[in-house]
C-alpha atoms as a PDB file:
ATOM      1  CA  MET A   1      -0.116   0.080  -0.073  1.00  0.00           C
ATOM      2  CA  ASN A   2       1.322   3.215  -0.652  1.00  0.00           C
ATOM      3  CA  ASP A   3       0.998   6.520   0.918  1.00  0.00           C
ATOM      4  CA  SER A   4      -1.395   7.696  -1.097  1.00  0.00           C
ATOM      5  CA  MET A   5      -3.344   4.652  -0.466  1.00  0.00           C
ATOM      6  CA  PHE A   6      -3.148   5.211   3.029  1.00  0.00           C
ATOM      7  CA  SER A   7      -4.872   8.893   3.091  1.00  0.00           C
ATOM      8  CA  ILE A   8      -7.595   6.921   1.435  1.00  0.00           C
ATOM      9  CA  VAL A   9      -7.848   5.079   5.068  1.00  0.00           C
ATOM     10  CA  LYS A  10      -6.805   7.861   7.374  1.00  0.00           C
ATOM     11  CA  ASN A  11      -9.237  10.395   5.067  1.00  0.00           C
ATOM     12  CA  GLY A  12     -12.197   7.942   5.308  1.00  0.00           C
ATOM     13  CA  ALA A  13     -11.632   7.490   9.316  1.00  0.00           C
ATOM     14  CA  ASP A  14     -11.680  11.538   9.345  1.00  0.00           C
ATOM     15  CA  GLU A  15     -14.722  11.356   7.444  1.00  0.00           C
ATOM     16  CA  LEU A  16     -16.211   8.897  10.120  1.00  0.00           C
ATOM     17  CA  ASN A  17     -15.153  11.306  12.868  1.00  0.00           C
ATOM     18  CA  ILE A  18     -12.549   7.986  13.895  1.00  0.00           C
ATOM     19  CA  LYS A  19      -8.915   9.145  14.905  1.00  0.00           C
ATOM     20  CA  LEU A  20      -6.368   6.395  13.775  1.00  0.00           C
ATOM     21  CA  PRO A  21      -3.383   6.039  16.075  1.00  0.00           C
ATOM     22  CA  PRO A  22       0.298   7.139  14.732  1.00  0.00           C
ATOM     23  CA  GLU A  23       0.797   3.074  14.018  1.00  0.00           C
ATOM     24  CA  ALA A  24      -1.679   2.431  11.998  1.00  0.00           C
ATOM     25  CA  GLU A  25      -0.184   3.992   8.730  1.00  0.00           C
ATOM     26  CA  THR A  26       2.752   0.760   9.270  1.00  0.00           C
ATOM     27  CA  ALA A  27       0.041  -1.804  10.016  1.00  0.00           C
ATOM     28  CA  PHE A  28      -2.369  -1.087   7.348  1.00  0.00           C
ATOM     29  CA  LYS A  29       0.455  -0.800   4.699  1.00  0.00           C
ATOM     30  CA  VAL A  30       1.471  -4.153   6.431  1.00  0.00           C
ATOM     31  CA  TYR A  31      -1.730  -6.076   6.393  1.00  0.00           C
ATOM     32  CA  TYR A  32      -2.406  -5.060   2.515  1.00  0.00           C
ATOM     33  CA  ASP A  33       0.758  -6.238   1.239  1.00  0.00           C
ATOM     34  CA  PHE A  34       0.639  -9.177   3.422  1.00  0.00           C
ATOM     35  CA  LEU A  35      -3.097  -9.972   1.956  1.00  0.00           C
ATOM     36  CA  GLU A  36      -2.122  -9.739  -1.798  1.00  0.00           C
ATOM     37  CA  GLU A  37       0.519 -11.995  -1.213  1.00  0.00           C
ATOM     38  CA  GLN A  38      -1.275 -15.039   0.714  1.00  0.00           C
ATOM     39  CA  SER A  39      -4.134 -13.988  -1.543  1.00  0.00           C
ATOM     40  CA  GLN A  40      -2.642 -15.955  -4.363  1.00  0.00           C
ATOM     41  CA  ASN A  41      -2.145 -19.104  -2.250  1.00  0.00           C
ATOM     42  CA  ILE A  42      -5.245 -18.905  -0.077  1.00  0.00           C
ATOM     43  CA  ASN A  43      -9.008 -17.975  -1.107  1.00  0.00           C
ATOM     44  CA  LEU A  44      -9.041 -14.763   1.425  1.00  0.00           C
ATOM     45  CA  THR A  45     -11.126 -12.205  -0.231  1.00  0.00           C
ATOM     46  CA  THR A  46     -12.285 -11.297  -3.765  1.00  0.00           C
ATOM     47  CA  ILE A  47     -11.545  -7.363  -3.546  1.00  0.00           C
ATOM     48  CA  THR A  48      -8.173  -6.777  -4.568  1.00  0.00           C
ATOM     49  CA  GLY A  49      -6.538  -3.774  -5.387  1.00  0.00           C
ATOM     50  CA  GLU A  50      -4.946  -1.228  -2.693  1.00  0.00           C
ATOM     51  CA  GLU A  51      -8.394   1.252  -3.060  1.00  0.00           C
ATOM     52  CA  ASP A  52     -11.100  -1.258  -2.857  1.00  0.00           C
ATOM     53  CA  VAL A  53      -9.005  -3.052   0.125  1.00  0.00           C
ATOM     54  CA  SER A  54      -8.922   0.412   1.808  1.00  0.00           C
ATOM     55  CA  ARG A  55     -12.506   0.792   1.961  1.00  0.00           C
ATOM     56  CA  LEU A  56     -14.384  -1.981   1.161  1.00  0.00           C
ATOM     57  CA  HIS A  57     -12.517  -3.762   3.979  1.00  0.00           C
ATOM     58  CA  PHE A  58     -10.335  -1.430   6.146  1.00  0.00           C
ATOM     59  CA  LEU A  59     -13.133   1.323   6.525  1.00  0.00           C
ATOM     60  CA  ASP A  60     -15.827  -0.790   6.337  1.00  0.00           C
ATOM     61  CA  SER A  61     -14.421  -2.529   9.362  1.00  0.00           C
ATOM     62  CA  VAL A  62     -13.154   0.361  11.534  1.00  0.00           C
ATOM     63  CA  ALA A  63     -17.063   2.007  10.843  1.00  0.00           C
ATOM     64  CA  LEU A  64     -17.961  -0.244  13.655  1.00  0.00           C
ATOM     65  CA  LEU A  65     -16.416   1.694  16.458  1.00  0.00           C
ATOM     66  CA  ASN A  66     -19.135   4.060  15.777  1.00  0.00           C
ATOM     67  CA  ALA A  67     -21.630   1.719  16.381  1.00  0.00           C
ATOM     68  CA  VAL A  68     -20.760   1.041  19.951  1.00  0.00           C
ATOM     69  CA  ASP A  69     -17.719   1.625  22.357  1.00  0.00           C
ATOM     70  CA  PHE A  70     -14.872  -1.079  21.468  1.00  0.00           C
ATOM     71  CA  LYS A  71     -12.590   0.900  24.526  1.00  0.00           C
ATOM     72  CA  GLY A  72     -10.580  -1.615  26.686  1.00  0.00           C
ATOM     73  CA  LYS A  73     -13.954  -4.668  25.474  1.00  0.00           C
ATOM     74  CA  LYS A  74     -13.145  -8.314  25.171  1.00  0.00           C
ATOM     75  CA  VAL A  75     -14.252  -8.996  21.454  1.00  0.00           C
ATOM     76  CA  ILE A  76     -14.264 -12.436  19.301  1.00  0.00           C
ATOM     77  CA  ASP A  77     -14.518 -11.764  15.096  1.00  0.00           C
ATOM     78  CA  ILE A  78     -16.647 -14.657  14.617  1.00  0.00           C
ATOM     79  CA  GLY A  79     -15.874 -16.515  11.042  1.00  0.00           C
ATOM     80  CA  SER A  80     -13.205 -14.125  10.876  1.00  0.00           C
ATOM     81  CA  GLY A  81     -11.504 -15.304   7.348  1.00  0.00           C
ATOM     82  CA  ALA A  82      -9.036 -12.858   6.438  1.00  0.00           C
ATOM     83  CA  GLY A  83      -9.403 -10.347  10.001  1.00  0.00           C
ATOM     84  CA  PHE A  84     -12.283  -8.282   8.597  1.00  0.00           C
ATOM     85  CA  PRO A  85     -13.844  -6.494  10.960  1.00  0.00           C
ATOM     86  CA  GLY A  86     -11.841  -7.920  13.881  1.00  0.00           C
ATOM     87  CA  LEU A  87      -8.143  -6.703  12.773  1.00  0.00           C
ATOM     88  CA  PRO A  88      -8.958  -3.233  11.148  1.00  0.00           C
ATOM     89  CA  ILE A  89     -10.838  -2.653  14.511  1.00  0.00           C
ATOM     90  CA  LYS A  90      -7.751  -3.853  16.988  1.00  0.00           C
ATOM     91  CA  ILE A  91      -5.715  -1.644  14.667  1.00  0.00           C
ATOM     92  CA  ALA A  92      -7.515   1.557  14.980  1.00  0.00           C
ATOM     93  CA  GLU A  93      -8.365   1.043  18.925  1.00  0.00           C
ATOM     94  CA  PRO A  94      -5.378  -0.959  20.428  1.00  0.00           C
ATOM     95  CA  SER A  95      -7.096  -1.204  23.781  1.00  0.00           C
ATOM     96  CA  VAL A  96      -9.444  -3.788  22.356  1.00  0.00           C
ATOM     97  CA  ASN A  97      -8.520  -7.651  23.832  1.00  0.00           C
ATOM     98  CA  LEU A  98      -9.108  -9.713  20.224  1.00  0.00           C
ATOM     99  CA  SER A  99      -9.792 -13.000  19.507  1.00  0.00           C
ATOM    100  CA  LEU A 100     -10.628 -14.747  15.886  1.00  0.00           C
ATOM    101  CA  LEU A 101     -12.029 -16.983  15.001  1.00  0.00           C
ATOM    102  CA  ASP A 102     -12.178 -19.089  11.849  1.00  0.00           C
ATOM    103  CA  ALA A 103     -12.666 -22.795  11.208  1.00  0.00           C
ATOM    104  CA  THR A 104     -10.831 -22.806   8.512  1.00  0.00           C
ATOM    105  CA  GLY A 105      -7.186 -24.057   9.478  1.00  0.00           C
ATOM    106  CA  LYS A 106      -5.207 -22.668   6.782  1.00  0.00           C
ATOM    107  CA  LYS A 107      -7.075 -19.145   7.224  1.00  0.00           C
ATOM    108  CA  THR A 108      -6.077 -19.350  10.653  1.00  0.00           C
ATOM    109  CA  LEU A 109      -2.559 -19.597   9.831  1.00  0.00           C
ATOM    110  CA  PHE A 110      -2.914 -16.857   7.904  1.00  0.00           C
ATOM    111  CA  LEU A 111      -4.319 -14.491  10.683  1.00  0.00           C
ATOM    112  CA  SER A 112      -1.794 -15.746  13.081  1.00  0.00           C
ATOM    113  CA  ASP A 113       1.066 -14.618  11.020  1.00  0.00           C
ATOM    114  CA  LEU A 114      -0.383 -11.446  10.115  1.00  0.00           C
ATOM    115  CA  CYS A 115      -0.958 -11.272  13.622  1.00  0.00           C
ATOM    116  CA  LYS A 116       3.169 -11.736  14.400  1.00  0.00           C
ATOM    117  CA  LYS A 117       3.867  -9.434  10.982  1.00  0.00           C
ATOM    118  CA  LEU A 118       1.696  -6.608  13.050  1.00  0.00           C
ATOM    119  CA  GLU A 119       2.955  -6.900  16.490  1.00  0.00           C
ATOM    120  CA  LEU A 120      -0.455  -6.937  17.508  1.00  0.00           C
ATOM    121  CA  ASP A 121      -1.798  -9.370  20.627  1.00  0.00           C
ATOM    122  CA  ALA A 122      -5.001 -11.740  19.453  1.00  0.00           C
ATOM    123  CA  LEU A 123      -5.950 -15.169  20.262  1.00  0.00           C
ATOM    124  CA  CYS A 124      -6.103 -16.548  16.895  1.00  0.00           C
ATOM    125  CA  ILE A 125      -8.935 -20.025  17.077  1.00  0.00           C
ATOM    126  CA  ASN A 126      -9.257 -22.294  14.765  1.00  0.00           C
ATOM    127  CA  ALA A 127     -12.464 -23.976  15.573  1.00  0.00           C
ATOM    128  CA  ARG A 128     -16.114 -24.087  13.996  1.00  0.00           C
ATOM    129  CA  ALA A 129     -18.112 -21.698  16.394  1.00  0.00           C
ATOM    130  CA  GLU A 130     -21.106 -23.941  17.196  1.00  0.00           C
ATOM    131  CA  GLU A 131     -18.385 -26.135  18.927  1.00  0.00           C
ATOM    132  CA  ALA A 132     -16.073 -23.336  20.241  1.00  0.00           C
ATOM    133  CA  ALA A 133     -19.195 -21.990  22.195  1.00  0.00           C
ATOM    134  CA  HIS A 134     -19.855 -24.379  24.241  1.00  0.00           C
ATOM    135  CA  LYS A 135     -16.364 -24.549  25.446  1.00  0.00           C
ATOM    136  CA  PRO A 136     -16.154 -22.846  29.111  1.00  0.00           C
ATOM    137  CA  GLU A 137     -13.499 -20.733  28.226  1.00  0.00           C
ATOM    138  CA  PHE A 138     -15.280 -18.582  25.267  1.00  0.00           C
ATOM    139  CA  ARG A 139     -19.409 -19.197  26.371  1.00  0.00           C
ATOM    140  CA  GLU A 140     -20.131 -15.789  27.206  1.00  0.00           C
ATOM    141  CA  LYS A 141     -16.795 -14.464  27.411  1.00  0.00           C
ATOM    142  CA  TYR A 142     -17.295 -11.498  25.067  1.00  0.00           C
ATOM    143  CA  ASN A 143     -18.088  -7.440  25.834  1.00  0.00           C
ATOM    144  CA  ILE A 144     -18.938  -7.659  21.772  1.00  0.00           C
ATOM    145  CA  VAL A 145     -19.081 -10.317  19.493  1.00  0.00           C
ATOM    146  CA  VAL A 146     -18.740  -9.111  15.398  1.00  0.00           C
ATOM    147  CA  SER A 147     -19.684 -10.897  12.368  1.00  0.00           C
ATOM    148  CA  ARG A 148     -19.666 -10.393   8.574  1.00  0.00           C
ATOM    149  CA  ALA A 149     -19.786 -14.219   7.817  1.00  0.00           C
ATOM    150  CA  VAL A 150     -22.102 -14.400   5.046  1.00  0.00           C
ATOM    151  CA  ALA A 151     -24.919 -16.358   6.881  1.00  0.00           C
ATOM    152  CA  ARG A 152     -28.798 -15.090   7.310  1.00  0.00           C
ATOM    153  CA  LEU A 153     -28.984 -13.572  10.465  1.00  0.00           C
ATOM    154  CA  SER A 154     -30.752 -15.918  11.941  1.00  0.00           C
ATOM    155  CA  ILE A 155     -28.323 -18.467  11.526  1.00  0.00           C
ATOM    156  CA  LEU A 156     -25.465 -15.908  12.408  1.00  0.00           C
ATOM    157  CA  CYS A 157     -27.799 -15.404  15.873  1.00  0.00           C
ATOM    158  CA  GLU A 158     -27.563 -19.001  17.528  1.00  0.00           C
ATOM    159  CA  LEU A 159     -23.898 -19.235  16.635  1.00  0.00           C
ATOM    160  CA  CYS A 160     -22.714 -15.848  18.064  1.00  0.00           C
ATOM    161  CA  LEU A 161     -25.282 -15.183  20.976  1.00  0.00           C
ATOM    162  CA  PRO A 162     -23.775 -17.856  23.125  1.00  0.00           C
ATOM    163  CA  PHE A 163     -20.012 -16.199  23.288  1.00  0.00           C
ATOM    164  CA  VAL A 164     -22.014 -12.607  24.540  1.00  0.00           C
ATOM    165  CA  LYS A 165     -21.582 -11.847  28.068  1.00  0.00           C
ATOM    166  CA  VAL A 166     -24.964 -10.638  29.794  1.00  0.00           C
ATOM    167  CA  ASP A 167     -25.091  -6.980  28.859  1.00  0.00           C
ATOM    168  CA  GLY A 168     -22.584  -7.259  26.028  1.00  0.00           C
ATOM    169  CA  VAL A 169     -23.634  -7.527  22.383  1.00  0.00           C
ATOM    170  CA  PHE A 170     -23.408  -8.926  18.931  1.00  0.00           C
ATOM    171  CA  ILE A 171     -22.667  -6.875  16.167  1.00  0.00           C
ATOM    172  CA  ALA A 172     -23.632  -8.447  12.256  1.00  0.00           C
ATOM    173  CA  MET A 173     -22.796  -6.655   9.416  1.00  0.00           C
ATOM    174  CA  LYS A 174     -25.088  -6.721   6.784  1.00  0.00           C
ATOM    175  CA  SER A 175     -26.616  -4.508   4.105  1.00  0.00           C
ATOM    176  CA  ILE A 176     -28.725  -1.786   3.873  1.00  0.00           C
ATOM    177  CA  ASP A 177     -31.826  -4.067   2.827  1.00  0.00           C
ATOM    178  CA  SER A 178     -31.635  -6.321   5.315  1.00  0.00           C
ATOM    179  CA  GLU A 179     -35.118  -5.647   7.100  1.00  0.00           C
ATOM    180  CA  ASP A 180     -36.540  -9.473   5.987  1.00  0.00           C
ATOM    181  CA  GLU A 181     -33.609 -11.073   8.046  1.00  0.00           C
ATOM    182  CA  VAL A 182     -34.090  -8.861  11.007  1.00  0.00           C
ATOM    183  CA  THR A 183     -37.619  -9.403  11.044  1.00  0.00           C
ATOM    184  CA  GLU A 184     -37.094 -13.463  10.506  1.00  0.00           C
ATOM    185  CA  ALA A 185     -34.481 -13.459  13.675  1.00  0.00           C
ATOM    186  CA  ALA A 186     -37.041 -11.664  16.337  1.00  0.00           C
ATOM    187  CA  GLY A 187     -37.502 -16.126  17.609  1.00  0.00           C
ATOM    188  CA  ALA A 188     -34.017 -16.570  17.361  1.00  0.00           C
ATOM    189  CA  VAL A 189     -32.903 -13.442  19.406  1.00  0.00           C
ATOM    190  CA  LYS A 190     -35.459 -14.160  22.002  1.00  0.00           C
ATOM    191  CA  THR A 191     -34.686 -17.397  22.580  1.00  0.00           C
ATOM    192  CA  LEU A 192     -31.089 -16.804  22.907  1.00  0.00           C
ATOM    193  CA  GLY A 193     -31.377 -14.038  25.788  1.00  0.00           C
ATOM    194  CA  ALA A 194     -31.463 -11.083  23.859  1.00  0.00           C
ATOM    195  CA  THR A 195     -33.669  -8.130  23.314  1.00  0.00           C
ATOM    196  CA  ALA A 196     -33.124  -4.958  21.867  1.00  0.00           C
ATOM    197  CA  ILE A 197     -32.281  -4.919  17.879  1.00  0.00           C
ATOM    198  CA  LYS A 198     -30.712  -1.765  17.057  1.00  0.00           C
ATOM    199  CA  GLN A 199     -29.750  -0.566  14.127  1.00  0.00           C
ATOM    200  CA  TYR A 200     -26.536   1.259  12.845  1.00  0.00           C
ATOM    201  CA  ASP A 201     -26.064   2.389   8.988  1.00  0.00           C
ATOM    202  CA  TYR A 202     -22.955   4.254   7.750  1.00  0.00           C
ATOM    203  CA  LYS A 203     -22.004   5.419   4.410  1.00  0.00           C
ATOM    204  CA  ILE A 204     -18.423   3.849   3.125  1.00  0.00           C
ATOM    205  CA  PRO A 205     -16.313   6.897   2.842  1.00  0.00           C
ATOM    206  CA  GLY A 206     -15.365   7.661  -0.790  1.00  0.00           C
ATOM    207  CA  THR A 207     -18.583   5.318  -2.014  1.00  0.00           C
ATOM    208  CA  ASP A 208     -22.359   5.343  -2.562  1.00  0.00           C
ATOM    209  CA  ILE A 209     -22.305   1.981  -0.293  1.00  0.00           C
ATOM    210  CA  ILE A 210     -23.793   2.204   2.460  1.00  0.00           C
ATOM    211  CA  HIS A 211     -24.335  -1.037   5.273  1.00  0.00           C
ATOM    212  CA  ARG A 212     -25.466  -1.659   8.408  1.00  0.00           C
ATOM    213  CA  ALA A 213     -24.384  -3.089  11.732  1.00  0.00           C
ATOM    214  CA  VAL A 214     -27.598  -4.912  13.535  1.00  0.00           C
ATOM    215  CA  ILE A 215     -26.578  -4.242  16.821  1.00  0.00           C
ATOM    216  CA  ILE A 216     -28.317  -7.121  19.607  1.00  0.00           C
ATOM    217  CA  SER A 217     -28.114  -6.957  23.244  1.00  0.00           C
ATOM    218  CA  LYS A 218     -28.147  -9.732  25.350  1.00  0.00           C
ATOM    219  CA  LYS A 219     -29.973  -9.327  28.738  1.00  0.00           C
ATOM    220  CA  ILE A 220     -29.830 -13.184  30.455  1.00  0.00           C
ATOM    221  CA  GLU A 221     -27.462 -15.969  29.633  1.00  0.00           C
ATOM    222  CA  SER A 222     -27.938 -18.422  26.122  1.00  0.00           C
ATOM    223  CA  PRO A 223     -29.778 -21.945  27.276  1.00  0.00           C
ATOM    224  CA  GLU A 224     -27.182 -24.359  27.617  1.00  0.00           C
ATOM    225  CA  LYS A 225     -28.414 -26.550  24.466  1.00  0.00           C
ATOM    226  CA  TYR A 226     -27.342 -23.756  21.798  1.00  0.00           C
ATOM    227  CA  PRO A 227     -26.131 -23.859  19.457  1.00  0.00           C
ATOM    228  CA  ARG A 228     -27.040 -26.718  17.801  1.00  0.00           C
ATOM    229  CA  ARG A 229     -24.915 -28.834  15.356  1.00  0.00           C
ATOM    230  CA  TYR A 230     -24.601 -26.642  12.168  1.00  0.00           C
ATOM    231  CA  ALA A 231     -26.208 -28.769   9.967  1.00  0.00           C
ATOM    232  CA  LYS A 232     -29.116 -29.053  12.544  1.00  0.00           C
ATOM    233  CA  ILE A 233     -29.259 -24.494  12.647  1.00  0.00           C
ATOM    234  CA  GLN A 234     -29.335 -24.539   8.845  1.00  0.00           C
ATOM    235  CA  LYS A 235     -32.620 -27.118   8.704  1.00  0.00           C
ATOM    236  CA  SER A 236     -34.597 -25.962  11.447  1.00  0.00           C
ATOM    237  CA  PRO A 237     -33.454 -22.089  12.258  1.00  0.00           C
ATOM    238  CA  LEU A 238     -35.015 -20.801  15.531  1.00  0.00           C
END
């Protein structure tokens, strides 16, 4: 990533009223270069090129810092893939205590290597979400759970809400036309111990793209039987 491309990230962050720390410039350059290099070998992202990665990955991710207060929070990114949105959030807000979970070993290895290159302290977990959520070290241990995974919200709720502490939140990154998904997920939200669903819509700087962060607040513990096996979740969503 050259200097002019980092200016896209910085100017975009300024537009979002997010102040990046001084080390963010180097971090985003290292991130971009390693992502481009490793994408030759691993299926990490279909978005390529400095400008698109800067806007559609980095800025799209850091925009979540306006959705809730991440400072000092324990955060897990479910289905992290190439590290979005978790790692850009950590770069922009270093006080975050970050975990990155992905079921694909190659992607988890990529994340682990990337964290070393970035000199960032993050826990990289190679596991399926529906299995990890039943482990005591992960279950209901996080203030904020984020996911940009491509799954319907009713499915994501069952996979992600069991990781959320009581009084914590789950943030699902969705498109602006996700009203049907939100309505469809109401039963899952209630069953899993959550209540309020808020929406934070934001425009990605330098584009006409508007995305939505669906913010679900958890009020009581999730019943022990959830999440179920993934095949069961897909077959009969809550």
